[in-house]
Amino acid sequence: MPDAYLRSVVLRRDKVSTFEKYPFVVPAVRTLESLELHPQVTFFVGENGSGKSTLLEAIAIAAGFNPEGGSQNFRFAARASESDLHNALRLVRGARRPKSGFFMRAESFFNVATKVDELGVGRAYGGKSLHEQSHGEAFLALVKNRFGQHGLYILDEPEAALSPQRQLAFLTAMDSLVRKGDSQMLIATHSPILLSYPHAWIYQLNEQGISRVSLEQTEHYSLTKDFLDHRDRYLRRLIEDDG
């Protein structure tokens, strides 16, 4: 397996003035020391507010990406909302450097698509405006046309754009990029489908901090499976029963 472009993330605790304010008060950040990254795919999973998107955003900014997304050449801001976490992170880089890269945020993908049109670089994204496609079509066009070999790709909740069937298509594209194309991906997700990718590490963020887990140990997998296995029981409890 090739060396990772990003080997690990270290919290420089001497750079943190207080752990009593956001984002450093979040357990996953407060307990962070050093986090090793898989050379191919690393997933971050957790409930809303667990800090997974905050940590991913900070890694992306520390790696030189625009806070709102895009390639390292993108520089725009509709509204500054990033935390100060990136200033306290140190990225341990591998011996090699990526030839390409992209930071994708579900919440600001519209702004990235607008910037692509403004810069006139749509050919690199498939030749059709991302705005003229559905959210899912535009995201897959980004992955298939803009993402390439030897790249570092950081994705925040990509499943927001994808139906279950297209999540499977993304798994295929991701596998081609990382195993055949020598790329590295860091992904924050809620999707058990994406988390099922076998060649990956999964870090779960919760009130206890950050821990590496298997797919079956994630709350997202266990709850989804239990709901599908006992749907009637859940629905009676949630909808039909008074109170």
C-alpha atoms as a PDB file:
ATOM      1  CA  MET A   1       0.000   0.000   0.000  1.00  0.00           C
ATOM      2  CA  PRO A   2       1.449   3.419  -0.935  1.00  0.00           C
ATOM      3  CA  ASP A   3       2.387   6.034   1.636  1.00  0.00           C
ATOM      4  CA  ALA A   4      -0.447   8.356   2.646  1.00  0.00           C
ATOM      5  CA  TYR A   5      -0.400  11.982   1.534  1.00  0.00           C
ATOM      6  CA  LEU A   6      -1.664  12.809   5.029  1.00  0.00           C
ATOM      7  CA  ARG A   7      -0.377  10.299   7.569  1.00  0.00           C
ATOM      8  CA  SER A   8      -1.943  11.761  10.687  1.00  0.00           C
ATOM      9  CA  VAL A   9      -3.475  14.799  12.361  1.00  0.00           C
ATOM     10  CA  VAL A  10      -2.051  16.198  15.589  1.00  0.00           C
ATOM     11  CA  LEU A  11      -3.732  18.681  17.914  1.00  0.00           C
ATOM     12  CA  ARG A  12      -1.133  21.183  19.090  1.00  0.00           C
ATOM     13  CA  ARG A  13      -2.555  21.603  22.556  1.00  0.00           C
ATOM     14  CA  ASP A  14      -0.112  24.404  23.331  1.00  0.00           C
ATOM     15  CA  LYS A  15      -1.903  26.443  20.639  1.00  0.00           C
ATOM     16  CA  VAL A  16      -5.272  26.144  22.402  1.00  0.00           C
ATOM     17  CA  SER A  17      -5.969  29.011  24.799  1.00  0.00           C
ATOM     18  CA  THR A  18      -8.950  27.281  26.416  1.00  0.00           C
ATOM     19  CA  PHE A  19     -10.801  24.001  26.104  1.00  0.00           C
ATOM     20  CA  GLU A  20     -13.970  25.594  27.488  1.00  0.00           C
ATOM     21  CA  LYS A  21     -15.076  27.209  24.199  1.00  0.00           C
ATOM     22  CA  TYR A  22     -16.212  25.833  20.854  1.00  0.00           C
ATOM     23  CA  PRO A  23     -14.836  23.903  19.052  1.00  0.00           C
ATOM     24  CA  PHE A  24     -12.334  22.782  21.673  1.00  0.00           C
ATOM     25  CA  VAL A  25     -15.049  21.960  24.196  1.00  0.00           C
ATOM     26  CA  VAL A  26     -16.409  19.253  21.857  1.00  0.00           C
ATOM     27  CA  PRO A  27     -15.286  15.897  23.360  1.00  0.00           C
ATOM     28  CA  ALA A  28     -13.824  14.606  20.091  1.00  0.00           C
ATOM     29  CA  VAL A  29     -11.640  17.713  19.871  1.00  0.00           C
ATOM     30  CA  ARG A  30     -10.906  18.094  23.585  1.00  0.00           C
ATOM     31  CA  THR A  31      -9.532  14.545  23.814  1.00  0.00           C
ATOM     32  CA  LEU A  32      -7.680  14.617  20.499  1.00  0.00           C
ATOM     33  CA  GLU A  33      -3.960  13.950  20.600  1.00  0.00           C
ATOM     34  CA  SER A  34      -2.859  12.316  17.348  1.00  0.00           C
ATOM     35  CA  LEU A  35      -5.117  10.620  14.808  1.00  0.00           C
ATOM     36  CA  GLU A  36      -3.630   8.270  12.220  1.00  0.00           C
ATOM     37  CA  LEU A  37      -5.191   8.359   8.750  1.00  0.00           C
ATOM     38  CA  HIS A  38      -5.631   5.444   6.361  1.00  0.00           C
ATOM     39  CA  PRO A  39      -3.573   5.790   3.150  1.00  0.00           C
ATOM     40  CA  GLN A  40      -6.732   5.248   1.085  1.00  0.00           C
ATOM     41  CA  VAL A  41     -10.038   5.962   2.875  1.00  0.00           C
ATOM     42  CA  THR A  42     -10.772   7.297   6.352  1.00  0.00           C
ATOM     43  CA  PHE A  43     -14.372   7.800   7.499  1.00  0.00           C
ATOM     44  CA  PHE A  44     -15.575  10.066  10.314  1.00  0.00           C
ATOM     45  CA  VAL A  45     -19.000   9.200  11.698  1.00  0.00           C
ATOM     46  CA  GLY A  46     -21.057  10.587  14.556  1.00  0.00           C
ATOM     47  CA  GLU A  47     -24.255  12.313  15.526  1.00  0.00           C
ATOM     48  CA  ASN A  48     -24.929  15.939  14.617  1.00  0.00           C
ATOM     49  CA  GLY A  49     -22.808  18.073  16.908  1.00  0.00           C
ATOM     50  CA  SER A  50     -20.207  15.356  17.468  1.00  0.00           C
ATOM     51  CA  GLY A  51     -17.562  17.420  15.680  1.00  0.00           C
ATOM     52  CA  LYS A  52     -16.958  15.261  12.599  1.00  0.00           C
ATOM     53  CA  SER A  53     -17.631  18.036  10.062  1.00  0.00           C
ATOM     54  CA  THR A  54     -15.755  20.568  12.199  1.00  0.00           C
ATOM     55  CA  LEU A  55     -12.704  18.310  12.334  1.00  0.00           C
ATOM     56  CA  LEU A  56     -12.882  17.521   8.617  1.00  0.00           C
ATOM     57  CA  GLU A  57     -13.193  21.215   7.748  1.00  0.00           C
ATOM     58  CA  ALA A  58     -10.174  22.052   9.919  1.00  0.00           C
ATOM     59  CA  ILE A  59      -8.095  19.332   8.233  1.00  0.00           C
ATOM     60  CA  ALA A  60      -9.103  20.680   4.811  1.00  0.00           C
ATOM     61  CA  ILE A  61      -8.159  24.277   5.694  1.00  0.00           C
ATOM     62  CA  ALA A  62      -4.863  23.153   7.227  1.00  0.00           C
ATOM     63  CA  ALA A  63      -4.184  21.268   3.976  1.00  0.00           C
ATOM     64  CA  GLY A  64      -4.631  24.490   2.010  1.00  0.00           C
ATOM     65  CA  PHE A  65      -8.214  24.210   0.773  1.00  0.00           C
ATOM     66  CA  ASN A  66     -10.781  26.997   0.688  1.00  0.00           C
ATOM     67  CA  PRO A  67     -13.052  26.788   3.778  1.00  0.00           C
ATOM     68  CA  GLU A  68     -16.197  26.704   1.628  1.00  0.00           C
ATOM     69  CA  GLY A  69     -14.882  24.021  -0.680  1.00  0.00           C
ATOM     70  CA  GLY A  70     -13.303  23.592  -4.065  1.00  0.00           C
ATOM     71  CA  SER A  71      -9.755  23.001  -5.176  1.00  0.00           C
ATOM     72  CA  GLN A  72      -6.739  24.645  -3.580  1.00  0.00           C
ATOM     73  CA  ASN A  73      -7.000  27.338  -6.265  1.00  0.00           C
ATOM     74  CA  PHE A  74     -10.500  28.400  -5.155  1.00  0.00           C
ATOM     75  CA  ARG A  75     -10.650  31.496  -2.979  1.00  0.00           C
ATOM     76  CA  PHE A  76     -14.151  32.758  -2.201  1.00  0.00           C
ATOM     77  CA  ALA A  77     -16.355  33.190   0.845  1.00  0.00           C
ATOM     78  CA  ALA A  78     -20.103  33.699   0.915  1.00  0.00           C
ATOM     79  CA  ARG A  79     -20.056  33.782   4.718  1.00  0.00           C
ATOM     80  CA  ALA A  80     -17.119  33.014   6.982  1.00  0.00           C
ATOM     81  CA  SER A  81     -18.228  30.253   9.342  1.00  0.00           C
ATOM     82  CA  GLU A  82     -15.136  28.129   9.909  1.00  0.00           C
ATOM     83  CA  SER A  83     -13.859  27.516  13.434  1.00  0.00           C
ATOM     84  CA  ASP A  84     -10.353  28.247  14.740  1.00  0.00           C
ATOM     85  CA  LEU A  85      -9.491  24.552  14.988  1.00  0.00           C
ATOM     86  CA  HIS A  86      -7.284  24.539  11.886  1.00  0.00           C
ATOM     87  CA  ASN A  87      -4.873  26.946  13.590  1.00  0.00           C
ATOM     88  CA  ALA A  88      -4.181  24.321  16.261  1.00  0.00           C
ATOM     89  CA  LEU A  89      -3.749  21.344  13.920  1.00  0.00           C
ATOM     90  CA  ARG A  90      -0.524  19.955  12.543  1.00  0.00           C
ATOM     91  CA  LEU A  91      -0.763  17.665   9.537  1.00  0.00           C
ATOM     92  CA  VAL A  92       1.860  14.954   9.327  1.00  0.00           C
ATOM     93  CA  ARG A  93       2.443  14.542   5.606  1.00  0.00           C
ATOM     94  CA  GLY A  94       3.876  11.604   3.740  1.00  0.00           C
ATOM     95  CA  ALA A  95       6.960  11.674   1.557  1.00  0.00           C
ATOM     96  CA  ARG A  96       4.856  12.127  -1.595  1.00  0.00           C
ATOM     97  CA  ARG A  97       2.682  15.077  -2.549  1.00  0.00           C
ATOM     98  CA  PRO A  98      -0.749  14.799  -4.190  1.00  0.00           C
ATOM     99  CA  LYS A  99      -1.051  16.029  -7.771  1.00  0.00           C
ATOM    100  CA  SER A 100      -4.689  17.050  -7.327  1.00  0.00           C
ATOM    101  CA  GLY A 101      -7.189  17.721  -4.575  1.00  0.00           C
ATOM    102  CA  PHE A 102     -10.675  18.913  -3.703  1.00  0.00           C
ATOM    103  CA  PHE A 103     -12.724  19.768  -0.623  1.00  0.00           C
ATOM    104  CA  MET A 104     -16.451  19.134  -1.051  1.00  0.00           C
ATOM    105  CA  ARG A 105     -19.048  20.347   1.446  1.00  0.00           C
ATOM    106  CA  ALA A 106     -22.680  19.431   0.900  1.00  0.00           C
ATOM    107  CA  GLU A 107     -23.874  22.727   2.392  1.00  0.00           C
ATOM    108  CA  SER A 108     -21.789  24.931   0.084  1.00  0.00           C
ATOM    109  CA  PHE A 109     -21.758  22.841  -3.110  1.00  0.00           C
ATOM    110  CA  PHE A 110     -24.036  25.431  -4.773  1.00  0.00           C
ATOM    111  CA  ASN A 111     -21.391  28.125  -4.203  1.00  0.00           C
ATOM    112  CA  VAL A 112     -18.680  25.902  -5.663  1.00  0.00           C
ATOM    113  CA  ALA A 113     -20.809  25.222  -8.750  1.00  0.00           C
ATOM    114  CA  THR A 114     -21.307  28.975  -9.182  1.00  0.00           C
ATOM    115  CA  LYS A 115     -17.578  29.587  -8.925  1.00  0.00           C
ATOM    116  CA  VAL A 116     -16.881  26.908 -11.553  1.00  0.00           C
ATOM    117  CA  ASP A 117     -19.184  28.781 -13.949  1.00  0.00           C
ATOM    118  CA  GLU A 118     -17.630  32.155 -13.122  1.00  0.00           C
ATOM    119  CA  LEU A 119     -14.101  30.872 -13.727  1.00  0.00           C
ATOM    120  CA  GLY A 120     -15.076  29.219 -17.002  1.00  0.00           C
ATOM    121  CA  VAL A 121     -13.508  25.893 -16.037  1.00  0.00           C
ATOM    122  CA  GLY A 122     -16.598  23.768 -16.624  1.00  0.00           C
ATOM    123  CA  ARG A 123     -14.776  21.527 -19.105  1.00  0.00           C
ATOM    124  CA  ALA A 124     -12.808  20.013 -16.208  1.00  0.00           C
ATOM    125  CA  TYR A 125     -16.136  19.128 -14.570  1.00  0.00           C
ATOM    126  CA  GLY A 126     -17.664  17.330 -17.552  1.00  0.00           C
ATOM    127  CA  GLY A 127     -18.491  20.252 -19.846  1.00  0.00           C
ATOM    128  CA  LYS A 128     -22.031  20.808 -18.529  1.00  0.00           C
ATOM    129  CA  SER A 129     -22.788  23.381 -15.865  1.00  0.00           C
ATOM    130  CA  LEU A 130     -23.186  21.762 -12.464  1.00  0.00           C
ATOM    131  CA  HIS A 131     -26.199  24.053 -11.976  1.00  0.00           C
ATOM    132  CA  GLU A 132     -27.922  22.425 -14.965  1.00  0.00           C
ATOM    133  CA  GLN A 133     -27.843  19.012 -13.324  1.00  0.00           C
ATOM    134  CA  SER A 134     -29.552  17.542 -10.302  1.00  0.00           C
ATOM    135  CA  HIS A 135     -27.580  17.608  -7.068  1.00  0.00           C
ATOM    136  CA  GLY A 136     -26.707  13.935  -7.418  1.00  0.00           C
ATOM    137  CA  GLU A 137     -25.782  14.217 -11.096  1.00  0.00           C
ATOM    138  CA  ALA A 138     -23.590  17.240 -10.391  1.00  0.00           C
ATOM    139  CA  PHE A 139     -21.766  15.497  -7.558  1.00  0.00           C
ATOM    140  CA  LEU A 140     -21.060  12.380  -9.618  1.00  0.00           C
ATOM    141  CA  ALA A 141     -19.923  14.595 -12.513  1.00  0.00           C
ATOM    142  CA  LEU A 142     -17.485  16.223 -10.072  1.00  0.00           C
ATOM    143  CA  VAL A 143     -16.143  12.855  -8.931  1.00  0.00           C
ATOM    144  CA  LYS A 144     -15.892  11.286 -12.387  1.00  0.00           C
ATOM    145  CA  ASN A 145     -14.436  14.301 -14.212  1.00  0.00           C
ATOM    146  CA  ARG A 146     -12.605  16.487 -11.695  1.00  0.00           C
ATOM    147  CA  PHE A 147     -11.242  13.846  -9.330  1.00  0.00           C
ATOM    148  CA  GLY A 148      -8.229  11.999 -10.682  1.00  0.00           C
ATOM    149  CA  GLN A 149      -5.253   9.877  -9.802  1.00  0.00           C
ATOM    150  CA  HIS A 150      -2.763  10.819  -7.091  1.00  0.00           C
ATOM    151  CA  GLY A 151      -5.248  13.149  -5.390  1.00  0.00           C
ATOM    152  CA  LEU A 152      -6.287  14.160  -1.881  1.00  0.00           C
ATOM    153  CA  TYR A 153     -10.076  14.423  -1.618  1.00  0.00           C
ATOM    154  CA  ILE A 154     -11.932  15.595   1.496  1.00  0.00           C
ATOM    155  CA  LEU A 155     -15.702  15.127   1.422  1.00  0.00           C
ATOM    156  CA  ASP A 156     -18.264  16.273   3.986  1.00  0.00           C
ATOM    157  CA  GLU A 157     -21.498  14.246   3.856  1.00  0.00           C
ATOM    158  CA  PRO A 158     -21.445  13.372   0.136  1.00  0.00           C
ATOM    159  CA  GLU A 159     -24.523  11.166   0.618  1.00  0.00           C
ATOM    160  CA  ALA A 160     -26.634  14.336   0.953  1.00  0.00           C
ATOM    161  CA  ALA A 161     -26.578  14.521  -2.842  1.00  0.00           C
ATOM    162  CA  LEU A 162     -26.948  10.827  -3.584  1.00  0.00           C
ATOM    163  CA  SER A 163     -29.797   8.325  -3.713  1.00  0.00           C
ATOM    164  CA  PRO A 164     -28.952   4.854  -2.349  1.00  0.00           C
ATOM    165  CA  GLN A 165     -28.335   3.614  -5.889  1.00  0.00           C
ATOM    166  CA  ARG A 166     -25.959   6.489  -6.598  1.00  0.00           C
ATOM    167  CA  GLN A 167     -24.187   5.920  -3.324  1.00  0.00           C
ATOM    168  CA  LEU A 168     -23.313   2.504  -4.733  1.00  0.00           C
ATOM    169  CA  ALA A 169     -22.068   4.184  -7.915  1.00  0.00           C
ATOM    170  CA  PHE A 170     -19.931   6.478  -5.772  1.00  0.00           C
ATOM    171  CA  LEU A 171     -18.440   3.460  -3.976  1.00  0.00           C
ATOM    172  CA  THR A 172     -17.320   2.092  -7.328  1.00  0.00           C
ATOM    173  CA  ALA A 173     -15.804   5.424  -8.358  1.00  0.00           C
ATOM    174  CA  MET A 174     -14.113   5.810  -4.983  1.00  0.00           C
ATOM    175  CA  ASP A 175     -12.584   2.354  -5.192  1.00  0.00           C
ATOM    176  CA  SER A 176     -11.177   3.134  -8.620  1.00  0.00           C
ATOM    177  CA  LEU A 177      -9.672   6.384  -7.359  1.00  0.00           C
ATOM    178  CA  VAL A 178      -7.985   5.006  -4.268  1.00  0.00           C
ATOM    179  CA  ARG A 179      -6.947   1.499  -5.257  1.00  0.00           C
ATOM    180  CA  LYS A 180      -6.142   2.018  -8.928  1.00  0.00           C
ATOM    181  CA  GLY A 181      -5.559   5.757  -8.917  1.00  0.00           C
ATOM    182  CA  ASP A 182      -3.417   6.043  -5.784  1.00  0.00           C
ATOM    183  CA  SER A 183      -5.634   8.713  -4.192  1.00  0.00           C
ATOM    184  CA  GLN A 184      -6.561   9.329  -0.558  1.00  0.00           C
ATOM    185  CA  MET A 185     -10.015  10.256   0.739  1.00  0.00           C
ATOM    186  CA  LEU A 186     -11.233  11.613   4.076  1.00  0.00           C
ATOM    187  CA  ILE A 187     -15.018  11.459   4.382  1.00  0.00           C
ATOM    188  CA  ALA A 188     -17.512  12.550   7.045  1.00  0.00           C
ATOM    189  CA  THR A 189     -20.749  10.640   6.568  1.00  0.00           C
ATOM    190  CA  HIS A 190     -23.972   9.324   8.073  1.00  0.00           C
ATOM    191  CA  SER A 191     -24.406   6.664   5.390  1.00  0.00           C
ATOM    192  CA  PRO A 192     -24.085   2.964   6.335  1.00  0.00           C
ATOM    193  CA  ILE A 193     -23.788   2.253   2.597  1.00  0.00           C
ATOM    194  CA  LEU A 194     -20.640   4.358   2.266  1.00  0.00           C
ATOM    195  CA  LEU A 195     -19.298   3.099   5.590  1.00  0.00           C
ATOM    196  CA  SER A 196     -19.470  -0.451   4.243  1.00  0.00           C
ATOM    197  CA  TYR A 197     -16.464   0.172   1.980  1.00  0.00           C
ATOM    198  CA  PRO A 198     -14.089  -2.630   3.045  1.00  0.00           C
ATOM    199  CA  HIS A 199     -10.738  -0.906   2.495  1.00  0.00           C
ATOM    200  CA  ALA A 200     -11.174   1.859   5.073  1.00  0.00           C
ATOM    201  CA  TRP A 201     -10.820   2.940   8.663  1.00  0.00           C
ATOM    202  CA  ILE A 202     -13.829   4.300  10.539  1.00  0.00           C
ATOM    203  CA  TYR A 203     -13.504   6.773  13.392  1.00  0.00           C
ATOM    204  CA  GLN A 204     -16.600   7.275  15.540  1.00  0.00           C
ATOM    205  CA  LEU A 205     -16.958  10.603  17.336  1.00  0.00           C
ATOM    206  CA  ASN A 206     -19.127  10.786  20.442  1.00  0.00           C
ATOM    207  CA  GLU A 207     -19.200  12.020  24.046  1.00  0.00           C
ATOM    208  CA  GLN A 208     -16.241   9.797  24.897  1.00  0.00           C
ATOM    209  CA  GLY A 209     -14.043  11.275  22.168  1.00  0.00           C
ATOM    210  CA  ILE A 210     -12.785   9.501  19.036  1.00  0.00           C
ATOM    211  CA  SER A 211     -12.382   5.763  18.629  1.00  0.00           C
ATOM    212  CA  ARG A 212     -11.694   3.489  15.692  1.00  0.00           C
ATOM    213  CA  VAL A 213     -14.567   1.066  15.144  1.00  0.00           C
ATOM    214  CA  SER A 214     -15.874  -1.493  12.692  1.00  0.00           C
ATOM    215  CA  LEU A 215     -18.937  -0.895  10.525  1.00  0.00           C
ATOM    216  CA  GLU A 216     -21.053  -3.068  12.816  1.00  0.00           C
ATOM    217  CA  GLN A 217     -19.998  -1.021  15.847  1.00  0.00           C
ATOM    218  CA  THR A 218     -21.227   2.287  14.422  1.00  0.00           C
ATOM    219  CA  GLU A 219     -24.491   3.621  15.771  1.00  0.00           C
ATOM    220  CA  HIS A 220     -25.601   4.413  12.226  1.00  0.00           C
ATOM    221  CA  TYR A 221     -25.302   0.798  11.104  1.00  0.00           C
ATOM    222  CA  SER A 222     -26.823  -0.766  14.227  1.00  0.00           C
ATOM    223  CA  LEU A 223     -29.803   1.610  14.328  1.00  0.00           C
ATOM    224  CA  THR A 224     -30.512   1.317  10.599  1.00  0.00           C
ATOM    225  CA  LYS A 225     -30.287  -2.476  10.693  1.00  0.00           C
ATOM    226  CA  ASP A 226     -32.445  -2.732  13.801  1.00  0.00           C
ATOM    227  CA  PHE A 227     -35.062  -0.425  12.287  1.00  0.00           C
ATOM    228  CA  LEU A 228     -35.237  -2.441   9.057  1.00  0.00           C
ATOM    229  CA  ASP A 229     -35.371  -5.726  10.980  1.00  0.00           C
ATOM    230  CA  HIS A 230     -38.096  -4.483  13.363  1.00  0.00           C
ATOM    231  CA  ARG A 231     -39.816  -1.748  11.391  1.00  0.00           C
ATOM    232  CA  ASP A 232     -43.330  -2.384  12.726  1.00  0.00           C
ATOM    233  CA  ARG A 233     -42.164  -2.237  16.319  1.00  0.00           C
ATOM    234  CA  TYR A 234     -40.387   1.086  15.751  1.00  0.00           C
ATOM    235  CA  LEU A 235     -43.335   2.620  13.920  1.00  0.00           C
ATOM    236  CA  ARG A 236     -45.790   1.573  16.610  1.00  0.00           C
ATOM    237  CA  ARG A 237     -43.557   3.134  19.220  1.00  0.00           C
ATOM    238  CA  LEU A 238     -42.833   6.322  17.301  1.00  0.00           C
ATOM    239  CA  ILE A 239     -46.095   7.025  15.506  1.00  0.00           C
ATOM    240  CA  GLU A 240     -49.039   4.945  16.562  1.00  0.00           C
ATOM    241  CA  ASP A 241     -48.737   4.757  20.338  1.00  0.00           C
ATOM    242  CA  ASP A 242     -50.145   7.718  22.243  1.00  0.00           C
ATOM    243  CA  GLY A 243     -47.330   9.550  23.935  1.00  0.00           C
END
